[in-house]
Protein backbone atom coordinates (compact mmCIF):
# COMPACT_ATOMS: atom_id res chain seq x y z
CA MET A 1 -39.64 -6.86 44.14
CA ARG A 2 -40.63 -8.17 40.70
CA HIS A 3 -43.10 -11.22 40.46
CA PRO A 4 -41.38 -14.12 38.66
CA SER A 5 -44.08 -14.50 36.16
CA THR A 6 -43.53 -11.12 34.84
CA SER A 7 -40.10 -11.53 34.21
CA LEU A 8 -40.93 -14.95 32.28
CA LYS A 9 -43.48 -12.99 30.10
CA ASN A 10 -40.77 -10.48 29.23
CA GLY A 11 -38.26 -13.34 28.35
CA ALA A 12 -40.81 -15.27 26.32
CA THR A 13 -41.97 -12.08 24.47
CA LEU A 14 -38.32 -11.19 23.53
CA GLY A 15 -37.55 -15.07 22.43
CA THR A 16 -40.56 -14.79 20.28
CA ALA A 17 -39.63 -11.56 18.60
CA LEU A 18 -36.29 -12.78 18.03
CA GLY A 19 -37.69 -16.26 16.57
CA VAL A 20 -39.79 -14.32 14.11
CA VAL A 21 -36.94 -11.89 12.91
CA LEU A 22 -34.68 -14.89 12.47
CA GLY A 23 -37.28 -16.84 10.69
CA LEU A 24 -37.91 -13.93 8.28
CA LEU A 25 -34.25 -13.71 7.52
CA ALA A 26 -33.91 -17.68 6.80
CA PHE A 27 -36.77 -17.62 4.52
CA GLY A 28 -36.32 -14.52 2.61
CA GLN A 29 -35.66 -14.39 -1.12
CA PRO A 30 -32.27 -16.13 -2.17
CA ALA A 31 -29.52 -14.17 -3.65
CA GLU A 32 -29.72 -14.03 -7.39
CA ALA A 33 -27.12 -13.93 -10.03
CA ALA A 34 -26.11 -10.91 -11.76
CA TYR A 35 -27.99 -9.91 -14.95
CA PRO A 36 -26.05 -10.41 -18.12
CA TRP A 37 -25.68 -6.64 -18.55
CA GLU A 38 -24.04 -6.25 -15.19
CA LEU A 39 -21.29 -8.94 -15.43
CA ASN A 40 -18.88 -7.05 -17.44
CA PHE A 41 -19.90 -3.51 -17.08
CA TRP A 42 -16.28 -1.83 -17.64
CA LEU A 43 -14.39 -3.87 -15.44
CA SER A 44 -11.03 -2.96 -16.98
CA GLY A 45 -7.96 -3.19 -14.78
CA PRO A 46 -4.15 -2.59 -15.27
CA ARG A 47 -2.66 -4.84 -17.74
CA TYR A 48 0.79 -4.89 -16.17
CA ASP A 49 2.77 -5.06 -19.32
CA GLY A 50 6.13 -4.60 -17.32
CA ARG A 51 6.93 -1.26 -18.74
CA VAL A 52 8.82 0.15 -15.77
CA LYS A 53 11.16 3.22 -16.20
CA PRO A 54 14.69 2.86 -15.73
CA CYS A 55 16.56 3.25 -12.28
CA GLU A 56 17.85 6.97 -13.25
CA ALA A 57 14.05 8.04 -13.88
CA ALA A 58 13.14 8.17 -10.33
CA LEU A 59 16.22 10.10 -8.89
CA GLY A 60 14.52 13.47 -9.16
CA THR A 61 11.46 12.03 -7.55
CA ILE A 62 13.52 10.81 -4.45
CA THR A 63 15.46 14.11 -4.06
CA ALA A 64 12.07 16.08 -3.97
CA GLN A 65 10.32 13.53 -1.70
CA PHE A 66 13.49 13.19 0.68
CA GLN A 67 13.72 16.92 1.28
CA ASP A 68 10.01 17.26 1.97
CA LYS A 69 10.09 14.30 4.36
CA GLU A 70 13.14 15.57 6.24
CA SER A 71 11.97 19.24 6.36
CA THR A 72 8.27 18.57 7.17
CA TYR A 73 8.54 15.60 9.62
CA TRP A 74 11.94 15.67 11.19
CA ASN A 75 12.56 19.41 11.18
CA SER A 76 15.79 18.76 9.33
CA ARG A 77 17.84 20.35 6.66
CA LEU A 78 19.09 17.42 5.11
CA LYS A 79 19.22 17.22 1.17
CA ILE A 80 20.39 14.76 -1.44
CA THR A 81 23.29 16.66 -3.45
CA ALA A 82 24.26 13.92 -5.78
CA TYR A 83 24.00 10.41 -6.71
CA SER A 84 26.73 7.65 -7.69
CA ASP A 85 26.66 4.09 -8.61
CA VAL A 86 22.98 4.03 -9.72
CA HIS A 87 22.17 0.35 -10.63
CA GLU A 88 19.42 -2.17 -10.82
CA THR A 89 19.25 -4.98 -8.18
CA ALA A 90 16.24 -6.85 -9.49
CA PHE A 91 13.45 -6.65 -11.86
CA ARG A 92 10.23 -8.51 -11.40
CA PRO A 93 11.89 -10.85 -8.82
CA TRP A 94 8.76 -12.63 -8.13
CA GLU A 95 5.99 -14.41 -10.17
CA SER A 96 5.16 -12.66 -13.44
CA ASP A 97 1.52 -12.04 -12.24
CA ASN A 98 2.53 -9.70 -9.46
CA ILE A 99 2.82 -5.86 -10.10
CA PRO A 100 5.93 -5.04 -12.13
CA ARG A 101 8.69 -3.39 -10.15
CA ARG A 102 12.11 -2.38 -10.87
CA TYR A 103 14.47 -2.41 -7.64
CA CYS A 104 17.64 -0.19 -7.54
CA SER A 105 20.27 1.10 -5.40
CA ALA A 106 22.65 4.03 -5.33
CA ASP A 107 24.97 5.78 -3.23
CA VAL A 108 23.75 9.26 -2.30
CA MET A 109 26.01 12.34 -0.85
CA LEU A 110 23.80 14.44 1.47
CA ASN A 111 24.47 18.17 2.21
CA ASP A 112 26.05 17.23 5.57
CA GLY A 113 28.89 15.45 3.92
CA VAL A 114 27.85 11.81 4.65
CA GLN A 115 27.57 9.24 2.03
CA ARG A 116 24.71 6.70 2.31
CA THR A 117 23.00 4.30 0.45
CA VAL A 118 19.35 4.59 -0.89
CA HIS A 119 17.35 1.40 -2.16
CA TYR A 120 14.36 1.96 -4.03
CA SER A 121 11.67 0.56 -6.33
CA ILE A 122 9.74 1.82 -9.23
CA ILE A 123 6.42 0.49 -9.58
CA GLU A 124 4.19 0.19 -12.43
CA ASP A 125 0.66 1.95 -12.19
CA ALA A 126 1.38 2.80 -8.47
CA GLY A 127 1.49 6.51 -9.00
CA PHE A 128 -1.28 8.80 -7.48
CA ALA A 129 -4.62 7.20 -7.88
CA GLY A 130 -3.14 4.42 -10.11
CA PHE A 131 -1.72 6.71 -12.80
CA GLY A 132 1.75 6.57 -13.54
CA GLN A 133 4.56 5.09 -11.81
CA GLY A 134 5.19 5.20 -8.24
CA VAL A 135 8.50 5.25 -6.21
CA GLU A 136 9.21 3.97 -2.80
CA TRP A 137 12.70 4.58 -1.42
CA CYS A 138 14.67 4.32 1.81
CA VAL A 139 18.04 6.11 2.71
CA THR A 140 20.13 3.84 4.95
CA GLY A 141 20.44 5.28 8.26
CA LEU A 142 17.92 7.74 7.82
CA ASP A 143 14.64 5.61 8.25
CA ARG A 144 13.66 7.30 11.17
CA ASN A 145 10.16 5.81 11.49
CA TRP A 146 11.39 2.28 10.64
CA ALA A 147 8.91 1.83 7.78
CA TYR A 148 11.73 -0.28 6.14
CA ASN A 149 13.95 -1.51 9.10
CA PRO A 150 16.44 -3.14 9.57
CA GLY A 151 18.83 -1.03 7.44
CA CYS A 152 16.14 -0.53 4.78
CA LYS A 153 15.91 -4.23 4.18
CA ALA A 154 12.13 -4.12 3.31
CA ALA A 155 12.80 -1.66 0.58
CA ARG A 156 14.99 -4.46 -1.43
CA PRO A 157 13.92 -7.44 -3.08
């Protein structure tokens, strides 16, 4: 059995050490502002000019990505064979300071003979590593991982 005074000494030593550490942190050097040559060291970012390709420009990307996703993740042989009624649904629907997006929709024919709707957006400077334009898309009824559910609503404006 321990002696009560030994426990008290260990607790006091721990408390003293903690107090010293906190005191050093509290009375350390204050943070300094950046030096003038550090302030604007190549801080260029995207300008977002609103130069977004038309709806038809993304169809090849959607076709390739759809086939890749279906075969890789769902072990499916589905492919997009044709597009019709390609149209824009919105362009920059929110405030102008947001990343420019063009929202589009189209009817797609799949190789199983079923016609479905694809909703997609073309996004400025959203390609790989911020270079080029990115495309996000959803085929209604084939959003198997529910990324844009319900009914691809999250892929629309």
